[in-house]
C-alpha atoms as a PDB file:
ATOM      1  CA  MET A   1      11.683 177.438 146.849  1.00  0.00           C
ATOM      2  CA  THR A   2      15.003 176.172 148.031  1.00  0.00           C
ATOM      3  CA  THR A   3      15.151 173.118 150.249  1.00  0.00           C
ATOM      4  CA  PHE A   4      17.883 170.655 150.947  1.00  0.00           C
ATOM      5  CA  ASP A   5      16.236 168.144 148.566  1.00  0.00           C
ATOM      6  CA  GLY A   6      15.854 170.816 145.929  1.00  0.00           C
ATOM      7  CA  VAL A   7      19.491 171.814 146.088  1.00  0.00           C
ATOM      8  CA  GLN A   8      20.625 168.204 145.963  1.00  0.00           C
ATOM      9  CA  ALA A   9      18.373 167.496 142.982  1.00  0.00           C
ATOM     10  CA  ALA A  10      19.641 170.542 141.144  1.00  0.00           C
ATOM     11  CA  LYS A  11      23.219 169.464 141.780  1.00  0.00           C
ATOM     12  CA  ASN A  12      22.528 165.854 140.680  1.00  0.00           C
ATOM     13  CA  ASN A  13      20.804 167.017 137.454  1.00  0.00           C
ATOM     14  CA  SER A  14      23.430 169.647 136.586  1.00  0.00           C
ATOM     15  CA  GLY A  15      25.216 167.275 134.227  1.00  0.00           C
ATOM     16  CA  LEU A  16      28.504 167.455 136.128  1.00  0.00           C
ATOM     17  CA  ASN A  17      29.536 163.934 136.992  1.00  0.00           C
ATOM     18  CA  GLN A  18      32.965 164.810 138.249  1.00  0.00           C
ATOM     19  CA  PRO A  19      33.797 164.218 141.914  1.00  0.00           C
ATOM     20  CA  GLN A  20      33.605 167.195 144.214  1.00  0.00           C
ATOM     21  CA  THR A  21      35.617 167.902 147.314  1.00  0.00           C
ATOM     22  CA  ILE A  22      33.847 168.961 150.446  1.00  0.00           C
ATOM     23  CA  GLN A  23      35.583 172.348 150.282  1.00  0.00           C
ATOM     24  CA  GLN A  24      34.163 172.923 146.783  1.00  0.00           C
ATOM     25  CA  ALA A  25      30.695 171.923 148.013  1.00  0.00           C
ATOM     26  CA  ILE A  26      30.970 174.373 150.929  1.00  0.00           C
ATOM     27  CA  LEU A  27      31.974 177.227 148.615  1.00  0.00           C
ATOM     28  CA  GLU A  28      29.099 176.510 146.266  1.00  0.00           C
ATOM     29  CA  ALA A  29      26.649 176.246 149.174  1.00  0.00           C
ATOM     30  CA  ILE A  30      27.805 179.591 150.491  1.00  0.00           C
ATOM     31  CA  THR A  31      27.313 181.199 147.110  1.00  0.00           C
ATOM     32  CA  GLU A  32      23.866 179.594 146.818  1.00  0.00           C
ATOM     33  CA  ALA A  33      22.917 180.735 150.314  1.00  0.00           C
ATOM     34  CA  ARG A  34      23.936 184.332 149.523  1.00  0.00           C
ATOM     35  CA  GLU A  35      21.919 184.296 146.316  1.00  0.00           C
ATOM     36  CA  VAL A  36      18.852 182.849 148.072  1.00  0.00           C
ATOM     37  CA  CYS A  37      19.085 185.362 150.921  1.00  0.00           C
ATOM     38  CA  ASP A  38      19.515 188.269 148.472  1.00  0.00           C
ATOM     39  CA  HIS A  39      16.466 187.093 146.486  1.00  0.00           C
ATOM     40  CA  ASN A  40      14.184 186.085 149.327  1.00  0.00           C
ATOM     41  CA  GLY A  41      15.370 188.241 152.224  1.00  0.00           C
ATOM     42  CA  ILE A  42      17.513 187.315 155.199  1.00  0.00           C
ATOM     43  CA  ASN A  43      14.505 186.410 157.332  1.00  0.00           C
ATOM     44  CA  SER A  44      12.983 183.993 154.872  1.00  0.00           C
ATOM     45  CA  PRO A  45      12.746 180.251 155.585  1.00  0.00           C
ATOM     46  CA  ASN A  46      14.598 179.523 152.340  1.00  0.00           C
ATOM     47  CA  CYS A  47      17.572 181.625 153.523  1.00  0.00           C
ATOM     48  CA  ALA A  48      17.660 179.680 156.790  1.00  0.00           C
ATOM     49  CA  VAL A  49      17.580 176.402 154.938  1.00  0.00           C
ATOM     50  CA  ALA A  50      20.421 177.448 152.638  1.00  0.00           C
ATOM     51  CA  TRP A  51      22.598 178.413 155.583  1.00  0.00           C
ATOM     52  CA  ASP A  52      21.705 175.178 157.377  1.00  0.00           C
ATOM     53  CA  ILE A  53      23.101 173.315 154.397  1.00  0.00           C
ATOM     54  CA  VAL A  54      26.356 175.310 154.699  1.00  0.00           C
ATOM     55  CA  GLU A  55      26.556 174.445 158.405  1.00  0.00           C
ATOM     56  CA  GLU A  56      25.983 170.742 157.753  1.00  0.00           C
ATOM     57  CA  LEU A  57      28.748 170.666 155.065  1.00  0.00           C
ATOM     58  CA  GLN A  58      31.122 172.459 157.444  1.00  0.00           C
ATOM     59  CA  ALA A  59      30.326 170.026 160.262  1.00  0.00           C
ATOM     60  CA  GLU A  60      30.958 167.035 157.922  1.00  0.00           C
ATOM     61  CA  ASN A  61      34.283 168.594 156.831  1.00  0.00           C
ATOM     62  CA  ALA A  62      35.339 168.967 160.495  1.00  0.00           C
ATOM     63  CA  HIS A  63      34.267 165.375 161.237  1.00  0.00           C
ATOM     64  CA  GLN A  64      36.271 164.029 158.290  1.00  0.00           C
ATOM     65  CA  LYS A  65      39.370 165.921 159.465  1.00  0.00           C
ATOM     66  CA  GLN A  66      39.070 164.393 162.930  1.00  0.00           C
ATOM     67  CA  ALA A  67      38.532 160.939 161.581  1.00  0.00           C
ATOM     68  CA  LYS A  68      41.715 160.884 159.494  1.00  0.00           C
ATOM     69  CA  HIS A  69      44.504 158.824 160.952  1.00  0.00           C
ATOM     70  CA  ARG A  70      47.582 160.941 161.636  1.00  0.00           C
ATOM     71  CA  GLN A  71      50.672 159.065 160.560  1.00  0.00           C
ATOM     72  CA  THR A  72      53.607 158.914 162.978  1.00  0.00           C
ATOM     73  CA  SER A  73      57.142 159.540 161.901  1.00  0.00           C
ATOM     74  CA  LEU A  74      57.965 155.860 162.382  1.00  0.00           C
ATOM     75  CA  GLU A  75      55.041 154.870 160.115  1.00  0.00           C
ATOM     76  CA  SER A  76      56.307 157.304 157.441  1.00  0.00           C
ATOM     77  CA  TYR A  77      59.811 155.932 157.736  1.00  0.00           C
ATOM     78  CA  CYS A  78      58.572 152.352 157.447  1.00  0.00           C
ATOM     79  CA  GLU A  79      56.617 153.198 154.295  1.00  0.00           C
ATOM     80  CA  MET A  80      59.835 154.499 152.742  1.00  0.00           C
ATOM     81  CA  TYR A  81      62.068 151.693 154.099  1.00  0.00           C
ATOM     82  CA  PRO A  82      59.940 148.619 154.734  1.00  0.00           C
ATOM     83  CA  ASP A  83      63.010 146.385 155.222  1.00  0.00           C
ATOM     84  CA  ALA A  84      64.640 148.548 157.924  1.00  0.00           C
ATOM     85  CA  LEU A  85      65.196 146.759 161.203  1.00  0.00           C
ATOM     86  CA  GLU A  86      62.906 149.110 163.053  1.00  0.00           C
ATOM     87  CA  CYS A  87      60.068 148.196 160.710  1.00  0.00           C
ATOM     88  CA  LEU A  88      60.305 144.379 160.718  1.00  0.00           C
ATOM     89  CA  ILE A  89      57.545 142.585 162.583  1.00  0.00           C
ATOM     90  CA  TYR A  90      58.236 139.171 163.991  1.00  0.00           C
ATOM     91  CA  ASP A  91      55.623 136.503 164.795  1.00  0.00           C
ATOM     92  CA  LEU A  92      56.541 134.599 167.889  1.00  0.00           C
END
């Protein structure tokens, strides 16, 4: 039986304590979903749960990409040259 909690518990108990990127998690979830569907059939509830996990990870990945602040060219320039006149901030 594969459920979201079961997959998470298996990943937590796998002995791998290294950080994982969301892209790696998506690839692993796709592999797991394919295995579950091959074993249980494509119309099984376990197959649906496995693909739901993939969808949730992909949605989170899209959300994280939207939430990232896109740096302007002036911000990049000011990081490289913080003492440039364009980058100085004056308190009045």
